[in-house]
C-alpha atoms as a PDB file:
ATOM      1  CA  MET A   1       0.007  -0.018  -0.014  1.00  0.00           C
ATOM      2  CA  LYS A   2       1.540   3.396  -1.016  1.00  0.00           C
ATOM      3  CA  ASN A   3      -0.169   7.107  -1.309  1.00  0.00           C
ATOM      4  CA  LEU A   4       0.823   8.638  -4.527  1.00  0.00           C
ATOM      5  CA  THR A   5       0.555  12.068  -5.639  1.00  0.00           C
ATOM      6  CA  ILE A   6      -1.480  12.609  -8.798  1.00  0.00           C
ATOM      7  CA  ASP A   7       1.150  12.967 -11.020  1.00  0.00           C
ATOM      8  CA  GLU A   8       2.856   9.422  -9.495  1.00  0.00           C
ATOM      9  CA  TRP A   9      -0.328   7.916  -9.645  1.00  0.00           C
ATOM     10  CA  LYS A  10      -1.082   8.889 -13.404  1.00  0.00           C
ATOM     11  CA  SER A  11       2.372   7.978 -14.535  1.00  0.00           C
ATOM     12  CA  GLN A  12       2.624   4.581 -12.750  1.00  0.00           C
ATOM     13  CA  LEU A  13      -1.071   3.605 -13.870  1.00  0.00           C
ATOM     14  CA  LEU A  14      -0.369   4.631 -17.595  1.00  0.00           C
ATOM     15  CA  SER A  15       2.726   2.485 -17.566  1.00  0.00           C
ATOM     16  CA  ASP A  16       1.309  -0.372 -15.791  1.00  0.00           C
ATOM     17  CA  SER A  17      -0.231  -3.308 -17.792  1.00  0.00           C
ATOM     18  CA  ASN A  18      -1.690  -5.043 -14.952  1.00  0.00           C
ATOM     19  CA  ALA A  19      -3.599  -2.082 -13.409  1.00  0.00           C
ATOM     20  CA  ILE A  20      -7.015  -1.992 -12.312  1.00  0.00           C
ATOM     21  CA  VAL A  21      -8.736   1.329 -11.152  1.00  0.00           C
ATOM     22  CA  LEU A  22     -11.004   1.050  -8.046  1.00  0.00           C
ATOM     23  CA  ASP A  23     -13.385   3.992  -7.226  1.00  0.00           C
ATOM     24  CA  VAL A  24     -14.387   3.625  -3.624  1.00  0.00           C
ATOM     25  CA  ARG A  25     -16.769   6.708  -3.489  1.00  0.00           C
ATOM     26  CA  THR A  26     -20.593   6.637  -2.587  1.00  0.00           C
ATOM     27  CA  THR A  27     -23.021   6.337  -5.338  1.00  0.00           C
ATOM     28  CA  ASP A  28     -23.737   9.997  -4.908  1.00  0.00           C
ATOM     29  CA  GLU A  29     -20.189  10.942  -5.184  1.00  0.00           C
ATOM     30  CA  ILE A  30     -19.901   8.764  -8.478  1.00  0.00           C
ATOM     31  CA  GLU A  31     -22.529  10.898 -10.151  1.00  0.00           C
ATOM     32  CA  GLU A  32     -20.133  13.723 -10.549  1.00  0.00           C
ATOM     33  CA  GLY A  33     -18.212  11.263 -13.051  1.00  0.00           C
ATOM     34  CA  VAL A  34     -15.706   8.470 -12.690  1.00  0.00           C
ATOM     35  CA  ILE A  35     -12.157   7.893 -14.065  1.00  0.00           C
ATOM     36  CA  PRO A  36     -12.550   5.602 -17.176  1.00  0.00           C
ATOM     37  CA  ASN A  37     -12.960   1.722 -16.535  1.00  0.00           C
ATOM     38  CA  ALA A  38     -13.074   2.275 -12.931  1.00  0.00           C
ATOM     39  CA  ILE A  39     -14.540  -0.500 -10.749  1.00  0.00           C
ATOM     40  CA  HIS A  40     -17.120   0.825  -7.998  1.00  0.00           C
ATOM     41  CA  ALA A  41     -16.869  -0.656  -4.557  1.00  0.00           C
ATOM     42  CA  ASP A  42     -18.110   1.965  -1.795  1.00  0.00           C
ATOM     43  CA  VAL A  43     -16.308   1.510   0.848  1.00  0.00           C
ATOM     44  CA  LYS A  44     -18.899   3.022   3.247  1.00  0.00           C
ATOM     45  CA  GLN A  45     -20.948  -0.177   2.729  1.00  0.00           C
ATOM     46  CA  PRO A  46     -18.554  -2.728   4.191  1.00  0.00           C
ATOM     47  CA  GLN A  47     -19.923  -5.707   3.277  1.00  0.00           C
ATOM     48  CA  LEU A  48     -20.763  -5.124  -0.162  1.00  0.00           C
ATOM     49  CA  PHE A  49     -17.378  -3.492  -0.441  1.00  0.00           C
ATOM     50  CA  LEU A  50     -15.570  -6.942   0.853  1.00  0.00           C
ATOM     51  CA  ASP A  51     -17.937  -8.946  -1.522  1.00  0.00           C
ATOM     52  CA  THR A  52     -16.874  -7.066  -4.314  1.00  0.00           C
ATOM     53  CA  VAL A  53     -13.000  -6.831  -3.573  1.00  0.00           C
ATOM     54  CA  ASN A  54     -12.853 -10.434  -2.325  1.00  0.00           C
ATOM     55  CA  ALA A  55     -14.020 -11.466  -6.235  1.00  0.00           C
ATOM     56  CA  LEU A  56     -11.022  -9.387  -7.777  1.00  0.00           C
ATOM     57  CA  ASP A  57      -8.275 -10.809  -9.368  1.00  0.00           C
ATOM     58  CA  LYS A  58      -5.572 -10.619  -6.789  1.00  0.00           C
ATOM     59  CA  THR A  59      -2.495 -10.726  -8.993  1.00  0.00           C
ATOM     60  CA  LYS A  60      -3.471  -7.078 -10.506  1.00  0.00           C
ATOM     61  CA  ASN A  61      -2.212  -3.770  -9.308  1.00  0.00           C
ATOM     62  CA  TYR A  62      -5.187  -1.658  -7.781  1.00  0.00           C
ATOM     63  CA  TYR A  63      -5.220   2.120  -8.187  1.00  0.00           C
ATOM     64  CA  VAL A  64      -7.453   3.473  -5.585  1.00  0.00           C
ATOM     65  CA  TYR A  65      -9.313   6.780  -5.116  1.00  0.00           C
ATOM     66  CA  CYS A  66     -12.076   8.202  -3.362  1.00  0.00           C
ATOM     67  CA  GLN A  67     -13.308  11.822  -3.044  1.00  0.00           C
ATOM     68  CA  SER A  68     -10.433  13.244  -1.161  1.00  0.00           C
ATOM     69  CA  GLY A  69      -7.777  10.615  -0.500  1.00  0.00           C
ATOM     70  CA  ALA A  70      -8.670   9.402   3.070  1.00  0.00           C
ATOM     71  CA  ARG A  71     -10.995   6.525   2.172  1.00  0.00           C
ATOM     72  CA  SER A  72      -9.018   5.130  -0.728  1.00  0.00           C
ATOM     73  CA  LEU A  73      -6.123   4.775   1.866  1.00  0.00           C
ATOM     74  CA  GLU A  74      -8.539   2.771   4.509  1.00  0.00           C
ATOM     75  CA  ALA A  75      -9.683   0.812   1.369  1.00  0.00           C
ATOM     76  CA  CYS A  76      -5.846   0.025   0.692  1.00  0.00           C
ATOM     77  CA  ALA A  77      -5.367  -1.167   4.039  1.00  0.00           C
ATOM     78  CA  VAL A  78      -8.255  -3.459   3.555  1.00  0.00           C
ATOM     79  CA  LEU A  79      -7.303  -5.034   0.393  1.00  0.00           C
ATOM     80  CA  ASN A  80      -3.852  -5.668   1.978  1.00  0.00           C
ATOM     81  CA  LEU A  81      -4.851  -7.177   5.278  1.00  0.00           C
ATOM     82  CA  LEU A  82      -8.385  -8.820   4.318  1.00  0.00           C
ATOM     83  CA  CYS A  83      -8.054  -9.639   0.631  1.00  0.00           C
ATOM     84  CA  ASN A  84      -4.306 -10.495   0.076  1.00  0.00           C
ATOM     85  CA  ILE A  85      -3.971  -7.740  -2.600  1.00  0.00           C
ATOM     86  CA  THR A  86      -0.202  -6.565  -2.052  1.00  0.00           C
ATOM     87  CA  GLU A  87      -0.154  -3.930  -4.807  1.00  0.00           C
ATOM     88  CA  ALA A  88      -2.838  -1.273  -3.895  1.00  0.00           C
ATOM     89  CA  TYR A  89      -1.817   2.626  -4.466  1.00  0.00           C
ATOM     90  CA  SER A  90      -4.203   5.294  -3.002  1.00  0.00           C
ATOM     91  CA  LEU A  91      -4.584   8.658  -4.837  1.00  0.00           C
ATOM     92  CA  THR A  92      -3.415  11.265  -2.127  1.00  0.00           C
ATOM     93  CA  GLY A  93      -6.058  14.015  -2.780  1.00  0.00           C
ATOM     94  CA  GLY A  94      -8.604  11.782  -4.504  1.00  0.00           C
ATOM     95  CA  PHE A  95     -10.988  12.552  -7.249  1.00  0.00           C
ATOM     96  CA  SER A  96     -11.019  16.381  -6.253  1.00  0.00           C
ATOM     97  CA  VAL A  97      -7.402  16.703  -7.783  1.00  0.00           C
ATOM     98  CA  TRP A  98      -8.228  14.554 -10.734  1.00  0.00           C
ATOM     99  CA  ASP A  99      -7.443  16.608 -13.849  1.00  0.00           C
ATOM    100  CA  GLY A 100      -7.871  13.517 -16.499  1.00  0.00           C
ATOM    101  CA  GLU A 101     -10.590  12.120 -18.401  1.00  0.00           C
ATOM    102  CA  VAL A 102     -14.152  11.601 -16.745  1.00  0.00           C
ATOM    103  CA  GLU A 103     -16.837   9.145 -17.524  1.00  0.00           C
ATOM    104  CA  VAL A 104     -20.544  10.316 -16.895  1.00  0.00           C
ATOM    105  CA  VAL A 105     -22.275   7.400 -15.177  1.00  0.00           C
ATOM    106  CA  SER A 106     -25.997   6.944 -14.886  1.00  0.00           C
ATOM    107  CA  ILE A 107     -27.265   5.603 -11.857  1.00  0.00           C
ATOM    108  CA  LEU A 108     -30.644   3.788 -11.907  1.00  0.00           C
ATOM    109  CA  ASN A 109     -32.556   3.711  -8.498  1.00  0.00           C
END
């Protein structure tokens, strides 16, 4: 688990052929948009989060973000400790510092 600045996170993500982006924000937060190809797993819903991440490929490298960086760091700790995912990188500052492409998502209630 490692905290990466926006520049480090983007650079490492672009050069990593084994990368998966994991968005751990709430459903309300993802209505702002998501980083392209991100998998959503709301860390504020613990059982759903664990079910989602336990189904993930443990051999991949996970680039995790939330809104501001705090929850993604917690999520990386869970990935390491409970899910045996050793390569997890948290985006310092979260989606609020993201300046790259954003996909609009539609949430059906």
